[in-house]
Protein backbone atom coordinates (compact mmCIF):
# COMPACT_ATOMS: atom_id res chain seq x y z
CA MET A 1 0.06 -0.01 -0.01
CA THR A 2 1.01 3.52 -0.50
CA ILE A 3 1.66 5.92 2.41
CA VAL A 4 -1.66 7.61 1.81
CA GLU A 5 -3.48 4.25 1.63
CA GLN A 6 -1.90 3.14 4.87
CA LEU A 7 -2.92 6.39 6.50
CA HIS A 8 -6.41 5.94 5.36
CA HIS A 9 -6.62 2.47 6.80
CA LEU A 10 -5.12 3.53 10.14
CA HIS A 11 -7.60 6.45 10.41
CA GLU A 12 -10.55 4.00 9.83
CA GLN A 13 -8.95 1.59 12.44
CA MET A 14 -8.68 4.33 15.02
CA ARG A 15 -12.38 5.47 14.59
CA ASP A 16 -13.59 1.81 14.57
CA PHE A 17 -11.57 1.14 17.68
CA ILE A 18 -13.52 3.52 19.95
CA ARG A 19 -16.82 3.51 18.01
CA PRO A 20 -18.36 0.67 20.13
CA TRP A 21 -17.30 2.44 23.41
CA ASN A 22 -20.00 4.53 25.22
CA GLU A 23 -19.70 8.20 25.36
CA MET A 24 -18.36 8.13 28.92
CA ASP A 25 -15.72 5.61 28.18
CA THR A 26 -14.32 7.59 25.30
CA ARG A 27 -14.01 10.67 27.31
CA ARG A 28 -12.72 9.20 30.57
CA GLN A 29 -9.08 9.60 31.61
CA TRP A 30 -8.43 5.81 32.42
CA HIS A 31 -4.85 6.39 33.70
CA ARG A 32 -3.11 9.48 34.71
CA GLU A 33 -0.49 9.24 32.00
CA LEU A 34 -3.10 8.71 29.29
CA SER A 35 -5.52 11.23 27.61
CA PRO A 36 -9.17 10.28 26.83
CA ALA A 37 -9.42 7.98 23.86
CA LEU A 38 -11.48 10.52 21.95
CA TRP A 39 -8.97 13.17 22.34
CA HIS A 40 -6.39 10.97 20.44
CA VAL A 41 -8.61 10.62 17.43
CA GLY A 42 -8.90 14.41 17.20
CA HIS A 43 -5.34 15.06 17.91
CA VAL A 44 -4.12 12.90 14.99
CA ALA A 45 -6.45 14.56 12.49
CA VAL A 46 -5.63 18.16 13.73
CA THR A 47 -1.84 17.38 13.81
CA GLU A 48 -2.07 16.32 10.13
CA SER A 49 -3.88 19.52 9.24
CA PHE A 50 -1.26 21.47 11.02
CA TRP A 51 1.64 20.07 9.13
CA LEU A 52 0.04 19.92 5.80
CA GLN A 53 -1.93 23.07 5.71
CA GLU A 54 -0.11 25.53 8.29
CA VAL A 55 3.54 24.29 7.87
CA VAL A 56 3.65 23.30 4.10
CA LEU A 57 1.09 25.55 2.56
CA GLY A 58 1.26 28.33 5.02
CA GLU A 59 -2.47 28.44 5.61
CA PRO A 60 -3.16 28.63 9.43
CA ILE A 61 -5.60 26.25 10.86
CA PRO A 62 -8.38 27.47 13.37
CA GLN A 63 -6.96 28.35 16.98
CA ASP A 64 -10.03 26.41 18.42
CA TRP A 65 -8.55 23.17 16.95
CA LYS A 66 -5.33 23.74 18.56
CA LYS A 67 -6.88 24.57 21.97
CA LYS A 68 -8.70 21.30 21.84
CA PHE A 69 -6.18 18.96 20.48
CA PHE A 70 -2.69 20.21 20.85
CA PRO A 71 -1.09 18.73 24.01
CA GLU A 72 0.58 21.91 25.12
CA ALA A 73 -2.75 23.86 25.08
CA THR A 74 -4.41 21.77 27.83
CA ALA A 75 -3.42 19.38 30.58
CA LYS A 76 -4.52 15.70 30.27
CA PRO A 77 -7.11 15.80 33.08
CA GLU A 78 -8.85 18.86 31.37
CA ARG A 79 -8.96 17.61 27.76
CA SER A 80 -12.31 15.85 28.13
CA ALA A 81 -14.24 18.94 29.09
CA ARG A 82 -13.19 20.71 25.75
CA LEU A 83 -14.45 17.83 23.53
CA SER A 84 -17.72 17.80 21.70
CA ASP A 85 -19.85 14.71 21.82
CA LYS A 86 -18.35 11.47 20.61
CA GLU A 87 -20.32 11.27 17.31
CA ASP A 88 -19.56 14.79 16.46
CA VAL A 89 -15.83 14.45 17.07
CA LEU A 90 -15.71 11.21 15.00
CA ALA A 91 -17.69 12.85 12.18
CA PHE A 92 -15.30 15.84 12.27
CA CYS A 93 -12.27 13.73 12.27
CA GLN A 94 -13.48 11.59 9.33
CA VAL A 95 -13.99 14.65 7.11
CA LEU A 96 -10.91 16.27 8.17
CA ALA A 97 -8.87 12.96 7.61
CA LEU A 98 -10.33 12.64 4.09
CA HIS A 99 -9.27 16.24 3.25
CA ASN A 100 -5.86 15.74 4.60
CA LEU A 101 -5.27 12.56 2.80
CA ALA A 102 -6.30 14.11 -0.53
CA LEU A 103 -4.02 16.91 0.08
CA LEU A 104 -1.16 14.68 1.11
CA ASP A 105 -1.43 12.58 -1.99
CA ASP A 106 -1.28 15.72 -4.06
CA LEU A 107 1.74 17.23 -2.21
CA LEU A 108 3.78 14.02 -2.47
CA MET A 109 3.63 14.32 -6.16
CA GLN A 110 5.28 17.83 -5.81
CA PRO A 111 8.17 17.23 -3.48
CA GLN A 112 9.94 20.50 -4.68
CA ARG A 113 7.20 22.45 -2.82
CA HIS A 114 8.65 22.13 0.66
CA PRO A 115 11.71 20.43 2.10
CA LEU A 116 9.59 18.12 4.37
CA LEU A 117 8.12 16.64 1.28
CA ALA A 118 11.53 15.33 -0.09
CA HIS A 119 11.75 11.50 0.05
CA ALA A 120 8.15 11.52 1.31
CA TYR A 121 9.48 12.44 4.73
CA LEU A 122 6.20 13.98 5.91
CA GLY A 123 4.15 11.17 4.72
CA HIS A 124 6.32 8.69 6.81
CA PHE A 125 6.19 11.15 9.76
CA LEU A 126 2.43 11.26 9.91
CA LEU A 127 2.06 7.57 9.23
CA GLN A 128 4.26 6.90 12.31
CA HIS A 129 2.47 9.47 14.37
CA ILE A 130 -0.91 7.79 13.97
CA ALA A 131 0.62 4.46 14.44
CA GLN A 132 2.00 5.58 17.81
CA HIS A 133 -1.38 6.89 18.88
CA LEU A 134 -2.98 3.59 17.83
CA GLU A 135 -0.80 1.76 20.27
CA THR A 136 -1.59 4.39 22.94
CA LEU A 137 -5.31 3.63 22.22
CA THR A 138 -4.57 -0.03 22.98
CA GLN A 139 -2.94 1.00 26.25
CA ILE A 140 -6.13 2.91 27.16
CA ALA A 141 -8.18 -0.01 26.45
CA VAL A 142 -6.11 -2.22 28.78
CA GLN A 143 -6.54 0.39 31.51
CA ARG A 144 -10.29 0.44 30.88
CA SER A 145 -10.36 -3.39 31.12
CA LEU A 146 -8.41 -3.29 34.41
CA HIS A 147 -11.16 -1.00 35.80
CA SER A 148 -14.11 -2.93 34.61
CA ALA A 149 -12.99 -6.57 33.75
CA PRO A 150 -15.41 -9.21 35.07
CA ALA A 151 -14.44 -11.86 37.49
CA TYR A 152 -12.13 -14.53 35.77
CA ARG A 153 -10.82 -17.99 36.68
CA ALA A 154 -7.45 -19.04 35.35
CA HIS A 155 -8.18 -22.39 34.02
CA ARG A 156 -4.50 -22.90 33.13
CA PRO A 157 -2.52 -21.89 36.04
CA LEU A 158 0.84 -20.18 35.35
CA ALA A 159 3.73 -22.07 36.65
CA PRO A 160 7.21 -20.42 37.54
CA ASP A 161 10.31 -21.24 35.51
CA THR A 162 13.91 -20.51 36.04
CA PRO A 163 15.39 -17.69 33.67
CA THR A 164 17.34 -18.53 30.62
CA LEU A 165 20.60 -16.77 30.93
CA PRO A 166 22.04 -14.73 28.06
CA GLU A 167 23.46 -17.30 25.40
CA ARG A 168 24.32 -15.29 22.30
CA GLU A 169 27.88 -14.09 21.99
CA CYS A 170 28.40 -10.55 20.44
CA ALA A 171 32.01 -9.55 19.63
CA GLY A 172 33.28 -6.22 20.72
CA GLY A 173 34.77 -3.49 18.61
CA GLU A 174 33.67 -0.49 16.67
CA LYS A 175 30.03 -0.73 15.73
CA THR A 176 27.85 1.39 13.31
CA ILE A 177 24.92 2.85 15.13
CA GLY A 178 21.84 4.85 14.09
CA ASP A 179 20.41 5.64 10.65
CA ALA A 180 21.21 8.18 7.96
CA ASP A 181 19.37 7.10 4.96
CA ASP A 182 15.85 5.78 5.98
CA PRO A 183 13.30 8.52 5.28
CA ARG A 184 11.23 7.16 8.33
CA ALA A 185 14.10 7.84 10.78
CA TYR A 186 13.38 10.40 13.54
CA ASP A 187 15.99 13.08 14.47
CA ASN A 188 16.99 10.90 17.61
CA GLU A 189 18.05 8.00 15.33
CA ARG A 190 20.58 10.24 13.60
CA PRO A 191 23.36 10.75 12.59
CA ARG A 192 24.79 7.29 11.85
CA HIS A 193 28.07 7.11 13.84
CA ARG A 194 30.55 4.53 15.34
CA GLU A 195 30.47 3.46 19.03
CA ARG A 196 32.95 1.14 20.63
CA LEU A 197 31.46 -2.01 22.51
CA ASP A 198 33.11 -4.48 24.72
CA ALA A 199 32.13 -8.27 24.08
CA PHE A 200 28.93 -9.21 25.77
CA ARG A 201 26.17 -11.86 25.70
CA ILE A 202 22.48 -11.28 25.24
CA ALA A 203 19.48 -13.56 25.39
CA ALA A 204 17.85 -14.67 22.23
CA ARG A 205 14.38 -13.78 23.43
CA PRO A 206 12.76 -11.50 26.10
CA VAL A 207 12.17 -12.63 29.56
CA SER A 208 8.96 -14.82 29.76
CA ASN A 209 5.75 -14.66 31.87
CA ALA A 210 6.90 -17.87 33.66
CA GLU A 211 10.37 -16.53 34.25
CA TYR A 212 9.01 -13.43 35.78
CA LEU A 213 6.66 -15.41 38.00
CA GLY A 214 9.71 -17.34 39.40
CA PHE A 215 11.18 -13.99 40.46
CA MET A 216 8.01 -13.02 42.19
CA GLN A 217 7.54 -16.33 43.96
CA SER A 218 11.20 -16.09 45.21
CA GLY A 219 10.42 -12.92 46.93
CA GLY A 220 11.95 -10.67 44.31
CA TYR A 221 9.78 -7.65 45.21
CA GLU A 222 10.72 -7.86 48.85
CA ASP A 223 14.49 -8.63 48.29
CA GLU A 224 16.54 -5.41 48.65
CA ARG A 225 19.56 -7.07 47.04
CA TRP A 226 18.06 -6.80 43.60
CA TRP A 227 16.80 -3.14 43.78
CA SER A 228 18.61 0.19 43.16
CA GLY A 229 18.05 2.80 45.83
CA GLU A 230 15.55 4.55 43.58
CA GLY A 231 13.91 1.31 42.65
CA LEU A 232 13.70 0.33 46.25
CA ARG A 233 11.96 3.70 47.20
CA TRP A 234 9.51 3.28 44.23
CA CYS A 235 8.85 -0.29 45.24
CA GLU A 236 8.03 0.72 48.77
CA THR A 237 5.92 3.75 47.76
CA THR A 238 3.80 1.84 45.12
CA ARG A 239 3.82 -1.44 46.85
CA ALA A 240 4.03 -3.06 43.57
CA HIS A 241 4.14 -6.85 43.58
CA ALA A 242 3.41 -7.97 40.01
CA PRO A 243 3.26 -6.55 36.48
CA GLN A 244 0.81 -3.82 36.03
CA HIS A 245 -1.33 -5.99 33.57
CA TRP A 246 -1.61 -9.00 35.97
CA ARG A 247 -4.39 -9.93 38.30
CA ARG A 248 -5.10 -12.85 40.70
CA ASP A 249 -8.36 -14.85 40.68
CA ASP A 250 -10.08 -16.23 43.79
CA ALA A 251 -7.93 -19.25 43.86
CA GLY A 252 -4.75 -17.17 43.97
CA GLN A 253 -3.81 -17.85 40.30
CA TRP A 254 -2.43 -15.13 38.09
CA TYR A 255 -3.95 -13.98 34.80
CA GLY A 256 -3.39 -11.22 32.51
CA VAL A 257 -5.74 -8.29 31.37
CA GLY A 258 -5.85 -7.16 27.81
CA GLY A 259 -7.80 -4.56 25.81
CA ALA A 260 -10.67 -7.12 25.40
CA GLY A 261 -10.54 -8.32 29.06
CA PRO A 262 -8.97 -11.10 31.06
CA VAL A 263 -6.76 -13.46 29.31
CA ALA A 264 -4.65 -16.50 30.35
CA LEU A 265 -0.89 -15.90 30.69
CA ALA A 266 1.08 -17.98 28.17
CA PRO A 267 4.18 -19.26 30.03
CA ARG A 268 6.68 -18.41 27.19
CA GLU A 269 5.08 -15.14 26.02
CA ALA A 270 7.06 -12.11 26.96
CA VAL A 271 6.19 -10.50 30.24
CA GLU A 272 4.82 -6.95 29.83
CA GLY A 273 3.52 -4.08 32.03
CA ILE A 274 6.76 -3.62 34.05
CA GLY A 275 8.72 -0.57 34.57
CA TYR A 276 12.43 0.18 34.38
CA TYR A 277 13.00 -0.48 38.12
CA GLU A 278 11.34 -3.93 37.97
CA ALA A 279 13.37 -4.87 34.74
CA GLN A 280 16.57 -3.81 36.42
CA ALA A 281 15.70 -5.79 39.69
CA PHE A 282 14.86 -8.91 37.69
CA ALA A 283 18.16 -8.66 35.67
CA ARG A 284 20.16 -8.46 38.94
CA TYR A 285 18.21 -11.46 40.40
CA CYS A 286 19.49 -13.38 37.42
CA GLY A 287 23.10 -12.31 38.01
CA CYS A 288 22.73 -10.16 34.78
CA ARG A 289 22.00 -6.68 33.54
CA LEU A 290 19.98 -4.84 30.98
CA PRO A 291 21.54 -4.27 27.57
CA THR A 292 22.50 -0.84 26.54
CA GLU A 293 20.90 0.55 23.43
CA THR A 294 24.08 0.13 21.41
CA GLU A 295 24.34 -3.41 22.54
CA TRP A 296 20.81 -4.10 21.54
CA GLU A 297 20.98 -2.52 18.17
CA HIS A 298 24.25 -4.29 17.24
CA ALA A 299 22.65 -7.64 18.47
CA ALA A 300 19.64 -6.97 16.26
CA ALA A 301 21.73 -6.08 13.37
CA SER A 302 24.10 -9.17 13.71
CA GLY A 303 21.16 -11.60 14.15
CA ALA A 304 22.01 -12.42 17.81
CA ILE A 305 18.49 -11.45 18.79
CA ALA A 306 16.30 -14.25 17.30
CA ASP A 307 13.24 -12.25 16.47
CA THR A 308 12.34 -8.49 17.15
CA SER A 309 9.13 -8.44 15.07
CA ILE A 310 6.89 -9.62 18.11
CA GLY A 311 7.13 -9.18 21.80
CA VAL A 312 7.50 -6.16 23.86
CA TRP A 313 9.26 -2.86 24.24
CA GLU A 314 12.63 -3.74 26.05
CA TRP A 315 14.12 -1.51 28.71
CA CYS A 316 17.73 -0.72 28.12
CA ALA A 317 20.26 0.30 30.68
CA ASN A 318 21.02 3.80 29.57
CA ALA A 319 19.20 7.09 29.77
CA PHE A 320 17.72 8.51 26.45
CA TYR A 321 20.63 10.57 25.04
CA PRO A 322 21.49 12.65 21.93
CA TYR A 323 23.85 10.97 19.36
CA PRO A 324 27.07 12.92 18.62
CA GLY A 325 26.11 15.61 15.99
CA PHE A 326 22.42 15.45 16.86
CA ARG A 327 20.25 18.03 15.17
CA PRO A 328 16.58 18.65 16.17
CA PHE A 329 14.12 17.85 13.23
CA PRO A 330 11.51 18.53 12.07
CA TYR A 331 10.97 20.85 15.08
CA GLU A 332 12.97 21.90 18.05
CA ARG A 333 11.21 20.08 20.66
CA TYR A 334 10.52 16.64 19.10
CA SER A 335 13.29 14.81 20.93
CA LEU A 336 15.26 17.52 22.73
CA PRO A 337 13.15 17.96 26.00
CA TRP A 338 13.44 14.20 26.66
CA PHE A 339 17.28 14.16 26.76
CA ASP A 340 16.97 15.24 30.46
CA GLY A 341 18.67 12.24 32.11
CA GLU A 342 15.37 11.14 33.52
CA HIS A 343 13.85 9.13 30.53
CA LYS A 344 15.23 5.61 29.93
CA ALA A 345 15.51 4.09 26.43
CA LEU A 346 13.51 1.12 25.06
CA ARG A 347 14.03 -0.89 21.86
CA GLY A 348 12.09 -3.39 19.87
CA GLY A 349 8.34 -2.99 19.85
CA SER A 350 5.26 -4.71 21.10
CA ARG A 351 2.78 -6.92 19.43
CA HIS A 352 0.70 -3.80 19.26
CA THR A 353 3.42 -1.79 17.44
CA HIS A 354 2.78 -1.02 13.76
CA ALA A 355 5.25 -2.34 11.21
CA CYS A 356 6.25 1.14 10.12
CA ILE A 357 7.86 1.69 13.51
CA LYS A 358 9.49 -1.69 14.03
CA ARG A 359 13.04 -1.18 12.97
CA ARG A 360 16.30 -1.80 14.84
CA THR A 361 17.21 1.87 15.06
CA PHE A 362 13.83 3.15 16.46
CA ARG A 363 14.25 4.56 19.91
CA ASN A 364 11.47 4.70 22.51
CA PHE A 365 11.66 6.45 25.88
CA TYR A 366 9.86 6.62 29.08
CA THR A 367 10.66 7.58 32.71
CA PRO A 368 11.54 4.49 34.90
CA ASP A 369 8.23 4.37 36.76
CA LYS A 370 5.94 3.80 33.71
CA ARG A 371 4.18 0.44 33.76
CA HIS A 372 1.11 1.03 31.56
CA ILE A 373 3.18 0.57 28.44
CA PHE A 374 3.75 -2.82 26.84
CA ALA A 375 7.23 -3.17 28.08
CA GLY A 376 9.52 -5.94 29.36
CA LEU A 377 13.11 -6.86 29.26
CA ARG A 378 15.88 -8.87 27.66
CA LEU A 379 18.92 -10.09 29.67
CA ALA A 380 22.52 -9.32 28.94
CA CYS A 381 25.94 -9.80 30.49
CA ASP A 382 29.48 -9.03 30.17
CA THR A 383 31.89 -11.55 28.51
CA HIS A 384 35.00 -12.00 30.45
CA ASP A 385 38.09 -13.58 28.90
């Protein structure tokens, strides 16, 4: 499919996603880190209008659109109050999206009209933007289920397992990191550069549900040996004792909660719904550590990681940082504010991540306490001669 055809499909998918929800559910803030679902639909459509009409064509969009759907205009808890009725918003977005898609189709045939049209950059940018918000809608659906899921009985109890330690050898040396040629690449993926790595080992797959249950049943959340000082304070404050997406039935058996409601936890599927502190603690419990971003990308490029097309976002050891020679693009504040030392990097992609984002150079980032995302971990360790 062309970029425009993909965008059309994702717009329909986004509207269809929340159409069965009642008015209150589309407008409710189900998690403090997440906007109402209905706001996301409007935000995507208005953002496309901003880039196509205001930035490329120089035709300002209405200020009222910005007040309702630009994130800097309204705090998350206040966004619902500014929205029209669900059906009005969906109808508005459908008309606006069709207009924008026709405009984009025309502009991509005239790349000389604006620098952002070269190599279809703006088309890829908007496609990835809506794809990221679709994954966020799935996060919202999970939080909605966690608040309203019916009673469930785990018919296949999850049994704990011992962790599989890192088995894939990766040689050290100068490695090429980042991307310079892919028109999809964001500013934080550039420029391509060389970084030196020591030899290391990495696991072929992410940590599984069964392996994580073994950590829990061994007292992992209570054992101070596995936690950093910040992690221990977080653990004591939140009283976390399991992944955010897990619940227990009346018999004490664990099950998961997805966007459609309760689900059985498959033993070998990647654990998700954990924050950086939990990922770090699990790695220490195994006598291992989290891989750095550079190690993860090199392992993916060399084939040491078996399959990065499914699974979870994987917490990495390092903070999100600018590559040497970083230049903000297409606007100053896309990545720059998040190079604050507080945001940790994640790599890979979840089973809810669109294909246009799943590339080995893509960099995700969240603060260490975030657990509503579809994040887990992969083990790594040093190689000693």
